[in-house]
All heavy atoms as atom14 arrays in JSON, in Angstrom:
{
  "sequence": "AFEKEEVETYVLKKLMPEIKAASKAKSRKVELSYEREALFHELL",
  "atom14_mask": [
    [1, 1, 1, 1, 1, 0, 0, 0, 0, 0, 0, 0, 0, 0],
    [1, 1, 1, 1, 1, 1, 1, 1, 1, 1, 1, 0, 0, 0],
    [1, 1, 1, 1, 1, 1, 1, 1, 1, 0, 0, 0, 0, 0],
    [1, 1, 1, 1, 1, 1, 1, 1, 1, 0, 0, 0, 0, 0],
    [1, 1, 1, 1, 1, 1, 1, 1, 1, 0, 0, 0, 0, 0],
    [1, 1, 1, 1, 1, 1, 1, 1, 1, 0, 0, 0, 0, 0],
    [1, 1, 1, 1, 1, 1, 1, 0, 0, 0, 0, 0, 0, 0],
    [1, 1, 1, 1, 1, 1, 1, 1, 1, 0, 0, 0, 0, 0],
    [1, 1, 1, 1, 1, 1, 1, 0, 0, 0, 0, 0, 0, 0],
    [1, 1, 1, 1, 1, 1, 1, 1, 1, 1, 1, 1, 0, 0],
    [1, 1, 1, 1, 1, 1, 1, 0, 0, 0, 0, 0, 0, 0],
    [1, 1, 1, 1, 1, 1, 1, 1, 0, 0, 0, 0, 0, 0],
    [1, 1, 1, 1, 1, 1, 1, 1, 1, 0, 0, 0, 0, 0],
    [1, 1, 1, 1, 1, 1, 1, 1, 1, 0, 0, 0, 0, 0],
    [1, 1, 1, 1, 1, 1, 1, 1, 0, 0, 0, 0, 0, 0],
    [1, 1, 1, 1, 1, 1, 1, 1, 0, 0, 0, 0, 0, 0],
    [1, 1, 1, 1, 1, 1, 1, 0, 0, 0, 0, 0, 0, 0],
    [1, 1, 1, 1, 1, 1, 1, 1, 1, 0, 0, 0, 0, 0],
    [1, 1, 1, 1, 1, 1, 1, 1, 0, 0, 0, 0, 0, 0],
    [1, 1, 1, 1, 1, 1, 1, 1, 1, 0, 0, 0, 0, 0],
    [1, 1, 1, 1, 1, 0, 0, 0, 0, 0, 0, 0, 0, 0],
    [1, 1, 1, 1, 1, 0, 0, 0, 0, 0, 0, 0, 0, 0],
    [1, 1, 1, 1, 1, 1, 0, 0, 0, 0, 0, 0, 0, 0],
    [1, 1, 1, 1, 1, 1, 1, 1, 1, 0, 0, 0, 0, 0],
    [1, 1, 1, 1, 1, 0, 0, 0, 0, 0, 0, 0, 0, 0],
    [1, 1, 1, 1, 1, 1, 1, 1, 1, 0, 0, 0, 0, 0],
    [1, 1, 1, 1, 1, 1, 0, 0, 0, 0, 0, 0, 0, 0],
    [1, 1, 1, 1, 1, 1, 1, 1, 1, 1, 1, 0, 0, 0],
    [1, 1, 1, 1, 1, 1, 1, 1, 1, 0, 0, 0, 0, 0],
    [1, 1, 1, 1, 1, 1, 1, 0, 0, 0, 0, 0, 0, 0],
    [1, 1, 1, 1, 1, 1, 1, 1, 1, 0, 0, 0, 0, 0],
    [1, 1, 1, 1, 1, 1, 1, 1, 0, 0, 0, 0, 0, 0],
    [1, 1, 1, 1, 1, 1, 0, 0, 0, 0, 0, 0, 0, 0],
    [1, 1, 1, 1, 1, 1, 1, 1, 1, 1, 1, 1, 0, 0],
    [1, 1, 1, 1, 1, 1, 1, 1, 1, 0, 0, 0, 0, 0],
    [1, 1, 1, 1, 1, 1, 1, 1, 1, 1, 1, 0, 0, 0],
    [1, 1, 1, 1, 1, 1, 1, 1, 1, 0, 0, 0, 0, 0],
    [1, 1, 1, 1, 1, 0, 0, 0, 0, 0, 0, 0, 0, 0],
    [1, 1, 1, 1, 1, 1, 1, 1, 0, 0, 0, 0, 0, 0],
    [1, 1, 1, 1, 1, 1, 1, 1, 1, 1, 1, 0, 0, 0],
    [1, 1, 1, 1, 1, 1, 1, 1, 1, 1, 0, 0, 0, 0],
    [1, 1, 1, 1, 1, 1, 1, 1, 1, 0, 0, 0, 0, 0],
    [1, 1, 1, 1, 1, 1, 1, 1, 0, 0, 0, 0, 0, 0],
    [1, 1, 1, 1, 1, 1, 1, 1, 0, 0, 0, 0, 0, 0]
  ],
  "atom14_positions": [
    [[-0.68, 23.56, -8.13], [-1.21, 22.2, -8.27], [-0.07, 21.2, -8.38], [-0.12, 20.1, -7.81], [-2.13, 22.11, -9.49], [0.0, 0.0, 0.0], [0.0, 0.0, 0.0], [0.0, 0.0, 0.0], [0.0, 0.0, 0.0], [0.0, 0.0, 0.0], [0.0, 0.0, 0.0], [0.0, 0.0, 0.0], [0.0, 0.0, 0.0], [0.0, 0.0, 0.0]],
    [[0.98, 21.56, -9.14], [2.13, 20.68, -9.3], [2.83, 20.45, -7.96], [3.22, 19.32, -7.63], [3.11, 21.28, -10.31], [4.37, 20.48, -10.46], [4.4, 19.32, -11.24], [5.54, 20.85, -9.78], [5.57, 18.57, -11.35], [6.7, 20.11, -9.9], [6.72, 18.96, -10.69], [0.0, 0.0, 0.0], [0.0, 0.0, 0.0], [0.0, 0.0, 0.0]],
    [[2.99, 21.52, -7.17], [3.67, 21.4, -5.88], [2.85, 20.56, -4.89], [3.41, 19.77, -4.12], [3.93, 22.8, -5.3], [5.01, 23.57, -6.05], [5.12, 25.01, -5.6], [4.1, 25.59, -5.16], [6.22, 25.57, -5.68], [0.0, 0.0, 0.0], [0.0, 0.0, 0.0], [0.0, 0.0, 0.0], [0.0, 0.0, 0.0], [0.0, 0.0, 0.0]],
    [[1.54, 20.72, -4.92], [0.68, 19.92, -4.05], [0.83, 18.43, -4.38], [0.95, 17.59, -3.48], [-0.78, 20.33, -4.2], [-1.09, 21.72, -3.68], [-2.52, 22.13, -4.02], [-2.81, 23.57, -3.58], [-4.15, 24.02, -3.98], [0.0, 0.0, 0.0], [0.0, 0.0, 0.0], [0.0, 0.0, 0.0], [0.0, 0.0, 0.0], [0.0, 0.0, 0.0]],
    [[0.84, 18.12, -5.66], [0.98, 16.73, -6.08], [2.35, 16.19, -5.68], [2.49, 15.04, -5.26], [0.81, 16.63, -7.59], [0.88, 15.2, -8.11], [0.63, 15.11, -9.6], [0.19, 16.12, -10.2], [0.87, 14.03, -10.17], [0.0, 0.0, 0.0], [0.0, 0.0, 0.0], [0.0, 0.0, 0.0], [0.0, 0.0, 0.0], [0.0, 0.0, 0.0]],
    [[3.36, 17.03, -5.78], [4.72, 16.63, -5.4], [4.8, 16.28, -3.91], [5.41, 15.28, -3.52], [5.7, 17.77, -5.72], [7.15, 17.44, -5.39], [8.08, 18.63, -5.6], [7.59, 19.72, -5.96], [9.29, 18.47, -5.39], [0.0, 0.0, 0.0], [0.0, 0.0, 0.0], [0.0, 0.0, 0.0], [0.0, 0.0, 0.0], [0.0, 0.0, 0.0]],
    [[4.16, 17.1, -3.08], [4.18, 16.86, -1.63], [3.43, 15.57, -1.28], [3.92, 14.75, -0.5], [3.54, 18.05, -0.87], [3.42, 17.73, 0.62], [4.39, 19.3, -1.05], [0.0, 0.0, 0.0], [0.0, 0.0, 0.0], [0.0, 0.0, 0.0], [0.0, 0.0, 0.0], [0.0, 0.0, 0.0], [0.0, 0.0, 0.0], [0.0, 0.0, 0.0]],
    [[2.25, 15.39, -1.86], [1.47, 14.19, -1.54], [2.18, 12.92, -2.03], [2.1, 11.87, -1.39], [0.06, 14.31, -2.13], [-0.75, 15.43, -1.51], [-2.2, 15.05, -1.26], [-2.48, 13.86, -1.05], [-3.05, 15.97, -1.26], [0.0, 0.0, 0.0], [0.0, 0.0, 0.0], [0.0, 0.0, 0.0], [0.0, 0.0, 0.0], [0.0, 0.0, 0.0]],
    [[2.85, 13.0, -3.16], [3.63, 11.85, -3.66], [4.77, 11.54, -2.71], [5.06, 10.36, -2.43], [4.19, 12.16, -5.07], [3.1, 12.41, -5.96], [4.99, 10.98, -5.59], [0.0, 0.0, 0.0], [0.0, 0.0, 0.0], [0.0, 0.0, 0.0], [0.0, 0.0, 0.0], [0.0, 0.0, 0.0], [0.0, 0.0, 0.0], [0.0, 0.0, 0.0]],
    [[5.41, 12.57, -2.21], [6.52, 12.4, -1.25], [6.02, 11.71, 0.02], [6.65, 10.77, 0.52], [7.11, 13.78, -0.92], [8.12, 13.77, 0.2], [9.45, 13.48, -0.04], [7.73, 14.08, 1.51], [10.39, 13.48, 1.0], [8.65, 14.08, 2.54], [9.97, 13.78, 2.28], [10.89, 13.78, 3.32], [0.0, 0.0, 0.0], [0.0, 0.0, 0.0]],
    [[4.88, 12.15, 0.53], [4.31, 11.58, 1.76], [3.91, 10.12, 1.53], [4.19, 9.25, 2.35], [3.09, 12.4, 2.24], [2.38, 11.68, 3.38], [3.54, 13.79, 2.68], [0.0, 0.0, 0.0], [0.0, 0.0, 0.0], [0.0, 0.0, 0.0], [0.0, 0.0, 0.0], [0.0, 0.0, 0.0], [0.0, 0.0, 0.0], [0.0, 0.0, 0.0]],
    [[3.26, 9.85, 0.4], [2.84, 8.48, 0.1], [4.04, 7.55, 0.01], [3.99, 6.39, 0.45], [2.04, 8.45, -1.2], [1.44, 7.1, -1.6], [0.5, 6.59, -0.49], [0.69, 7.2, -2.91], [0.0, 0.0, 0.0], [0.0, 0.0, 0.0], [0.0, 0.0, 0.0], [0.0, 0.0, 0.0], [0.0, 0.0, 0.0], [0.0, 0.0, 0.0]],
    [[5.14, 8.04, -0.55], [6.36, 7.23, -0.64], [6.87, 6.88, 0.76], [7.34, 5.76, 1.0], [7.42, 8.01, -1.42], [8.71, 7.22, -1.66], [9.69, 8.03, -2.5], [10.98, 7.24, -2.72], [11.97, 8.02, -3.54], [0.0, 0.0, 0.0], [0.0, 0.0, 0.0], [0.0, 0.0, 0.0], [0.0, 0.0, 0.0], [0.0, 0.0, 0.0]],
    [[6.76, 7.82, 1.69], [7.18, 7.56, 3.07], [6.26, 6.53, 3.75], [6.69, 5.76, 4.61], [7.16, 8.87, 3.87], [8.22, 9.88, 3.47], [9.59, 9.45, 3.96], [10.63, 10.52, 3.7], [11.98, 10.11, 4.18], [0.0, 0.0, 0.0], [0.0, 0.0, 0.0], [0.0, 0.0, 0.0], [0.0, 0.0, 0.0], [0.0, 0.0, 0.0]],
    [[4.98, 6.54, 3.36], [4.01, 5.63, 3.96], [4.1, 4.21, 3.42], [3.66, 3.26, 4.07], [2.59, 6.16, 3.72], [2.13, 7.35, 4.55], [0.86, 7.94, 3.94], [1.88, 6.94, 5.99], [0.0, 0.0, 0.0], [0.0, 0.0, 0.0], [0.0, 0.0, 0.0], [0.0, 0.0, 0.0], [0.0, 0.0, 0.0], [0.0, 0.0, 0.0]],
    [[4.64, 4.04, 2.22], [4.58, 2.76, 1.53], [5.15, 1.58, 2.32], [4.54, 0.49, 2.33], [5.27, 2.86, 0.18], [4.44, 3.59, -0.87], [2.75, 2.96, -1.07], [3.08, 1.32, -1.72], [0.0, 0.0, 0.0], [0.0, 0.0, 0.0], [0.0, 0.0, 0.0], [0.0, 0.0, 0.0], [0.0, 0.0, 0.0], [0.0, 0.0, 0.0]],
    [[6.29, 1.7, 3.02], [6.78, 0.54, 3.78], [5.79, 0.07, 4.84], [5.6, -1.14, 5.04], [8.07, 1.08, 4.43], [8.54, 2.15, 3.5], [7.27, 2.81, 3.04], [0.0, 0.0, 0.0], [0.0, 0.0, 0.0], [0.0, 0.0, 0.0], [0.0, 0.0, 0.0], [0.0, 0.0, 0.0], [0.0, 0.0, 0.0], [0.0, 0.0, 0.0]],
    [[5.13, 1.02, 5.52], [4.13, 0.67, 6.54], [2.9, 0.03, 5.89], [2.32, -0.92, 6.42], [3.71, 1.92, 7.33], [4.81, 2.54, 8.17], [5.12, 1.71, 9.41], [4.33, 0.8, 9.74], [6.16, 1.97, 10.03], [0.0, 0.0, 0.0], [0.0, 0.0, 0.0], [0.0, 0.0, 0.0], [0.0, 0.0, 0.0], [0.0, 0.0, 0.0]],
    [[2.49, 0.57, 4.74], [1.33, 0.02, 4.04], [1.61, -1.4, 3.56], [0.78, -2.3, 3.7], [0.94, 0.92, 2.84], [0.48, 2.29, 3.33], [-0.15, 0.26, 2.0], [0.2, 3.29, 2.22], [0.0, 0.0, 0.0], [0.0, 0.0, 0.0], [0.0, 0.0, 0.0], [0.0, 0.0, 0.0], [0.0, 0.0, 0.0], [0.0, 0.0, 0.0]],
    [[2.8, -1.62, 3.03], [3.17, -2.95, 2.56], [3.18, -3.96, 3.7], [2.73, -5.1, 3.55], [4.56, -2.91, 1.9], [4.57, -2.23, 0.54], [5.97, -2.2, -0.06], [5.96, -1.54, -1.43], [7.33, -1.46, -2.03], [0.0, 0.0, 0.0], [0.0, 0.0, 0.0], [0.0, 0.0, 0.0], [0.0, 0.0, 0.0], [0.0, 0.0, 0.0]],
    [[3.69, -3.54, 4.86], [3.74, -4.44, 6.03], [2.33, -4.82, 6.47], [2.05, -5.99, 6.76], [4.5, -3.76, 7.17], [0.0, 0.0, 0.0], [0.0, 0.0, 0.0], [0.0, 0.0, 0.0], [0.0, 0.0, 0.0], [0.0, 0.0, 0.0], [0.0, 0.0, 0.0], [0.0, 0.0, 0.0], [0.0, 0.0, 0.0], [0.0, 0.0, 0.0]],
    [[1.43, -3.83, 6.52], [0.05, -4.1, 6.93], [-0.67, -4.97, 5.9], [-1.44, -5.87, 6.26], [-0.71, -2.78, 7.11], [0.0, 0.0, 0.0], [0.0, 0.0, 0.0], [0.0, 0.0, 0.0], [0.0, 0.0, 0.0], [0.0, 0.0, 0.0], [0.0, 0.0, 0.0], [0.0, 0.0, 0.0], [0.0, 0.0, 0.0], [0.0, 0.0, 0.0]],
    [[-0.39, -4.72, 4.64], [-1.01, -5.5, 3.56], [-0.59, -6.96, 3.63], [-1.43, -7.87, 3.52], [-0.61, -4.9, 2.2], [-1.12, -5.69, 1.15], [0.0, 0.0, 0.0], [0.0, 0.0, 0.0], [0.0, 0.0, 0.0], [0.0, 0.0, 0.0], [0.0, 0.0, 0.0], [0.0, 0.0, 0.0], [0.0, 0.0, 0.0], [0.0, 0.0, 0.0]],
    [[0.68, -7.2, 3.85], [1.18, -8.57, 3.94], [0.63, -9.28, 5.17], [0.26, -10.46, 5.12], [2.72, -8.58, 3.96], [3.36, -8.29, 2.61], [4.86, -8.47, 2.66], [5.46, -8.28, 1.28], [4.99, -9.32, 0.33], [0.0, 0.0, 0.0], [0.0, 0.0, 0.0], [0.0, 0.0, 0.0], [0.0, 0.0, 0.0], [0.0, 0.0, 0.0]],
    [[0.56, -8.56, 6.29], [0.06, -9.15, 7.53], [-1.4, -9.57, 7.38], [-1.78, -10.68, 7.78], [0.21, -8.16, 8.68], [0.0, 0.0, 0.0], [0.0, 0.0, 0.0], [0.0, 0.0, 0.0], [0.0, 0.0, 0.0], [0.0, 0.0, 0.0], [0.0, 0.0, 0.0], [0.0, 0.0, 0.0], [0.0, 0.0, 0.0], [0.0, 0.0, 0.0]],
    [[-2.21, -8.69, 6.8], [-3.63, -9.0, 6.6], [-3.79, -10.15, 5.61], [-4.63, -11.04, 5.8], [-4.36, -7.76, 6.08], [-5.87, -7.94, 5.91], [-6.56, -8.1, 7.24], [-8.06, -8.13, 7.08], [-8.77, -8.31, 8.37], [0.0, 0.0, 0.0], [0.0, 0.0, 0.0], [0.0, 0.0, 0.0], [0.0, 0.0, 0.0], [0.0, 0.0, 0.0]],
    [[-2.98, -10.15, 4.55], [-3.06, -11.19, 3.52], [-2.7, -12.56, 4.09], [-3.32, -13.57, 3.74], [-2.14, -10.85, 2.35], [-2.53, -9.64, 1.73], [0.0, 0.0, 0.0], [0.0, 0.0, 0.0], [0.0, 0.0, 0.0], [0.0, 0.0, 0.0], [0.0, 0.0, 0.0], [0.0, 0.0, 0.0], [0.0, 0.0, 0.0], [0.0, 0.0, 0.0]],
    [[-1.71, -12.58, 4.96], [-1.33, -13.85, 5.59], [-2.43, -14.33, 6.53], [-2.71, -15.53, 6.62], [-0.02, -13.68, 6.38], [1.22, -13.64, 5.52], [2.46, -13.87, 6.35], [2.62, -12.85, 7.38], [3.32, -11.73, 7.23], [3.91, -11.48, 6.07], [3.41, -10.85, 8.2], [0.0, 0.0, 0.0], [0.0, 0.0, 0.0], [0.0, 0.0, 0.0]],
    [[-3.05, -13.39, 7.23], [-4.09, -13.75, 8.19], [-5.26, -14.46, 7.52], [-5.81, -15.42, 8.05], [-4.6, -12.46, 8.88], [-4.5, -12.49, 10.39], [-5.04, -11.2, 10.98], [-4.97, -11.26, 12.5], [-5.56, -10.05, 13.11], [0.0, 0.0, 0.0], [0.0, 0.0, 0.0], [0.0, 0.0, 0.0], [0.0, 0.0, 0.0], [0.0, 0.0, 0.0]],
    [[-5.65, -13.96, 6.36], [-6.82, -14.53, 5.66], [-6.41, -15.41, 4.49], [-7.25, -15.82, 3.68], [-7.77, -13.41, 5.19], [-8.34, -12.67, 6.36], [-7.07, -12.45, 4.24], [0.0, 0.0, 0.0], [0.0, 0.0, 0.0], [0.0, 0.0, 0.0], [0.0, 0.0, 0.0], [0.0, 0.0, 0.0], [0.0, 0.0, 0.0], [0.0, 0.0, 0.0]],
    [[-5.1, -15.67, 4.37], [-4.56, -16.58, 3.37], [-4.96, -16.21, 1.94], [-5.53, -16.99, 1.18], [-5.0, -18.03, 3.68], [-4.49, -18.52, 5.02], [-4.83, -19.98, 5.28], [-5.46, -20.62, 4.41], [-4.47, -20.48, 6.35], [0.0, 0.0, 0.0], [0.0, 0.0, 0.0], [0.0, 0.0, 0.0], [0.0, 0.0, 0.0], [0.0, 0.0, 0.0]],
    [[-4.65, -14.97, 1.55], [-4.92, -14.52, 0.19], [-3.85, -15.06, -0.75], [-2.69, -15.18, -0.38], [-4.91, -12.99, 0.12], [-6.02, -12.23, 0.86], [-5.84, -10.73, 0.65], [-7.39, -12.67, 0.39], [0.0, 0.0, 0.0], [0.0, 0.0, 0.0], [0.0, 0.0, 0.0], [0.0, 0.0, 0.0], [0.0, 0.0, 0.0], [0.0, 0.0, 0.0]],
    [[-4.25, -15.36, -1.98], [-3.29, -15.78, -2.99], [-2.45, -14.57, -3.39], [-2.76, -13.43, -3.05], [-4.02, -16.32, -4.23], [-4.76, -15.28, -4.85], [0.0, 0.0, 0.0], [0.0, 0.0, 0.0], [0.0, 0.0, 0.0], [0.0, 0.0, 0.0], [0.0, 0.0, 0.0], [0.0, 0.0, 0.0], [0.0, 0.0, 0.0], [0.0, 0.0, 0.0]],
    [[-1.37, -14.81, -4.16], [-0.48, -13.72, -4.57], [-1.25, -12.66, -5.36], [-1.09, -11.46, -5.13], [0.66, -14.28, -5.42], [1.6, -13.22, -5.94], [2.59, -12.67, -5.13], [1.47, -12.74, -7.26], [3.44, -11.68, -5.61], [2.31, -11.75, -7.74], [3.29, -11.23, -6.91], [4.13, -10.25, -7.39], [0.0, 0.0, 0.0], [0.0, 0.0, 0.0]],
    [[-2.11, -13.13, -6.29], [-2.86, -12.19, -7.13], [-3.86, -11.38, -6.3], [-3.99, -10.16, -6.49], [-3.62, -12.95, -8.23], [-2.72, -13.61, -9.28], [-2.12, -14.92, -8.78], [-2.54, -15.39, -7.7], [-1.24, -15.46, -9.47], [0.0, 0.0, 0.0], [0.0, 0.0, 0.0], [0.0, 0.0, 0.0], [0.0, 0.0, 0.0], [0.0, 0.0, 0.0]],
    [[-4.55, -12.04, -5.38], [-5.54, -11.35, -4.56], [-4.85, -10.39, -3.57], [-5.39, -9.34, -3.24], [-6.41, -12.35, -3.81], [-7.26, -13.21, -4.74], [-8.03, -14.25, -3.96], [-9.13, -13.64, -3.22], [-9.56, -14.05, -2.04], [-8.96, -15.05, -1.44], [-10.57, -13.47, -1.44], [0.0, 0.0, 0.0], [0.0, 0.0, 0.0], [0.0, 0.0, 0.0]],
    [[-3.68, -10.76, -3.1], [-2.92, -9.89, -2.21], [-2.55, -8.6, -2.92], [-2.62, -7.5, -2.33], [-1.65, -10.59, -1.73], [-0.8, -9.72, -0.8], [0.48, -10.41, -0.35], [0.57, -11.65, -0.47], [1.38, -9.7, 0.14], [0.0, 0.0, 0.0], [0.0, 0.0, 0.0], [0.0, 0.0, 0.0], [0.0, 0.0, 0.0], [0.0, 0.0, 0.0]],
    [[-2.18, -8.71, -4.2], [-1.82, -7.52, -4.97], [-3.02, -6.58, -5.11], [-2.87, -5.35, -4.99], [-1.29, -7.94, -6.34], [0.0, 0.0, 0.0], [0.0, 0.0, 0.0], [0.0, 0.0, 0.0], [0.0, 0.0, 0.0], [0.0, 0.0, 0.0], [0.0, 0.0, 0.0], [0.0, 0.0, 0.0], [0.0, 0.0, 0.0], [0.0, 0.0, 0.0]],
    [[-4.2, -7.15, -5.37], [-5.41, -6.33, -5.5], [-5.76, -5.66, -4.17], [-6.13, -4.47, -4.14], [-6.58, -7.2, -5.97], [-6.49, -7.74, -7.4], [-7.62, -8.72, -7.66], [-6.53, -6.6, -8.41], [0.0, 0.0, 0.0], [0.0, 0.0, 0.0], [0.0, 0.0, 0.0], [0.0, 0.0, 0.0], [0.0, 0.0, 0.0], [0.0, 0.0, 0.0]],
    [[-5.65, -6.42, -3.09], [-5.95, -5.85, -1.77], [-4.97, -4.73, -1.44], [-5.35, -3.7, -0.89], [-5.88, -6.94, -0.7], [-5.92, -6.42, 0.71], [-7.04, -5.77, 1.19], [-4.81, -6.53, 1.54], [-7.08, -5.26, 2.48], [-4.84, -6.03, 2.83], [-5.97, -5.4, 3.29], [0.0, 0.0, 0.0], [0.0, 0.0, 0.0], [0.0, 0.0, 0.0]],
    [[-3.69, -4.94, -1.78], [-2.67, -3.93, -1.51], [-3.02, -2.62, -2.2], [-2.88, -1.53, -1.61], [-1.31, -4.43, -1.98], [-0.22, -3.41, -1.88], [0.33, -3.02, -0.68], [0.4, -2.65, -2.83], [1.25, -2.09, -0.89], [1.31, -1.85, -2.19], [0.0, 0.0, 0.0], [0.0, 0.0, 0.0], [0.0, 0.0, 0.0], [0.0, 0.0, 0.0]],
    [[-3.47, -2.7, -3.46], [-3.83, -1.48, -4.19], [-4.97, -0.73, -3.49], [-4.95, 0.5, -3.4], [-4.24, -1.85, -5.62], [-3.09, -2.33, -6.48], [-3.55, -2.74, -7.86], [-4.74, -2.5, -8.19], [-2.74, -3.28, -8.64], [0.0, 0.0, 0.0], [0.0, 0.0, 0.0], [0.0, 0.0, 0.0], [0.0, 0.0, 0.0], [0.0, 0.0, 0.0]],
    [[-5.97, -1.47, -3.02], [-7.09, -0.84, -2.31], [-6.63, -0.2, -1.02], [-7.1, 0.88, -0.64], [-8.18, -1.87, -2.02], [-9.17, -2.15, -3.14], [-10.14, -3.25, -2.7], [-9.96, -0.9, -3.51], [0.0, 0.0, 0.0], [0.0, 0.0, 0.0], [0.0, 0.0, 0.0], [0.0, 0.0, 0.0], [0.0, 0.0, 0.0], [0.0, 0.0, 0.0]],
    [[-5.71, -0.86, -0.31], [-5.22, -0.31, 0.96], [-4.44, 0.98, 0.73], [-4.56, 1.93, 1.51], [-4.35, -1.34, 1.67], [-3.77, -0.91, 3.02], [-4.88, -0.49, 3.99], [-2.94, -2.03, 3.64], [0.0, 0.0, 0.0], [0.0, 0.0, 0.0], [0.0, 0.0, 0.0], [0.0, 0.0, 0.0], [0.0, 0.0, 0.0], [0.0, 0.0, 0.0]]
  ]
}
């Protein structure tokens, strides 16, 4: 279980730059405030 969690954490860390880019692009498109952008980012 520990090793599985370690692998998924590693993969998520690799994905984070792409997720952040998509989150910012979507937030700019719909003009989200800083606070709302943070909430949307967490959901994404």
